[in-house]
Protein backbone atom coordinates (compact mmCIF):
# COMPACT_ATOMS: atom_id res chain seq x y z
CA GLU A 1 30.16 13.29 55.45
CA GLU A 2 32.39 11.97 52.72
CA GLU A 3 30.54 13.62 49.82
CA LEU A 4 30.80 17.04 51.48
CA LYS A 5 34.56 16.97 52.04
CA LYS A 6 35.27 18.76 48.77
CA ALA A 7 32.24 21.06 48.79
CA ILE A 8 32.93 24.74 48.20
CA LEU A 9 31.87 26.99 51.06
CA VAL A 10 30.38 30.42 50.37
CA VAL A 11 29.61 32.76 53.25
CA PHE A 12 27.33 35.75 52.82
CA ALA A 13 28.52 38.38 55.31
CA ASN A 14 25.22 40.24 55.36
CA LYS A 15 24.36 43.59 56.95
CA GLN A 16 27.48 45.21 55.47
CA ASP A 17 25.51 48.43 55.12
CA MET A 18 25.57 48.74 58.92
CA GLU A 19 28.43 50.52 60.66
CA GLN A 20 28.95 47.78 63.26
CA ALA A 21 29.12 44.94 60.71
CA MET A 22 32.00 42.50 61.06
CA THR A 23 34.67 42.61 58.38
CA PRO A 24 35.13 39.54 56.18
CA THR A 25 38.33 38.75 58.09
CA GLU A 26 36.48 38.91 61.41
CA VAL A 27 33.76 36.62 60.03
CA ALA A 28 36.35 34.16 58.72
CA ASN A 29 38.13 34.03 62.06
CA ALA A 30 34.88 33.72 64.02
CA LEU A 31 33.89 30.73 61.87
CA GLY A 32 37.35 29.18 61.98
CA LEU A 33 37.66 29.25 58.20
CA PRO A 34 41.44 29.76 58.05
CA ALA A 35 41.78 26.28 59.57
CA LEU A 36 40.02 24.73 56.55
CA LYS A 37 43.15 23.98 54.56
CA ASP A 38 41.63 21.38 52.22
CA ARG A 39 38.49 23.29 51.29
CA LYS A 40 37.92 26.26 49.00
CA TRP A 41 35.95 29.01 50.72
CA GLN A 42 35.08 32.64 50.09
CA ILE A 43 33.31 35.37 52.04
CA PHE A 44 31.22 37.97 50.25
CA LYS A 45 30.21 41.29 51.77
CA THR A 46 26.48 41.63 51.17
CA SER A 47 23.52 43.81 52.01
CA ALA A 48 20.25 42.09 51.23
CA THR A 49 18.22 45.27 51.69
CA LYS A 50 20.41 47.16 49.20
CA GLY A 51 21.03 44.13 47.00
CA THR A 52 24.80 44.56 47.01
CA GLY A 53 27.25 41.71 46.78
CA LEU A 54 24.65 39.08 45.95
CA ASP A 55 25.34 38.84 42.22
CA GLU A 56 29.09 38.66 42.77
CA ALA A 57 28.67 35.80 45.23
CA MET A 58 26.31 33.84 43.00
CA GLU A 59 28.68 34.19 40.02
CA TRP A 60 31.63 32.92 42.05
């Protein structure tokens, strides 16, 4: 949709406290984010159970 073309995209890469968690680069590639040339996006490593990364993402 036209009004979403310039929307900022924030991805919460949750479960980062787990050993098998994907890295932010792996998440970006899996979602095809590098192909989004005209959109600002950012991935934040988070762990909801530990509460890490959430504040940083919300402040961004």
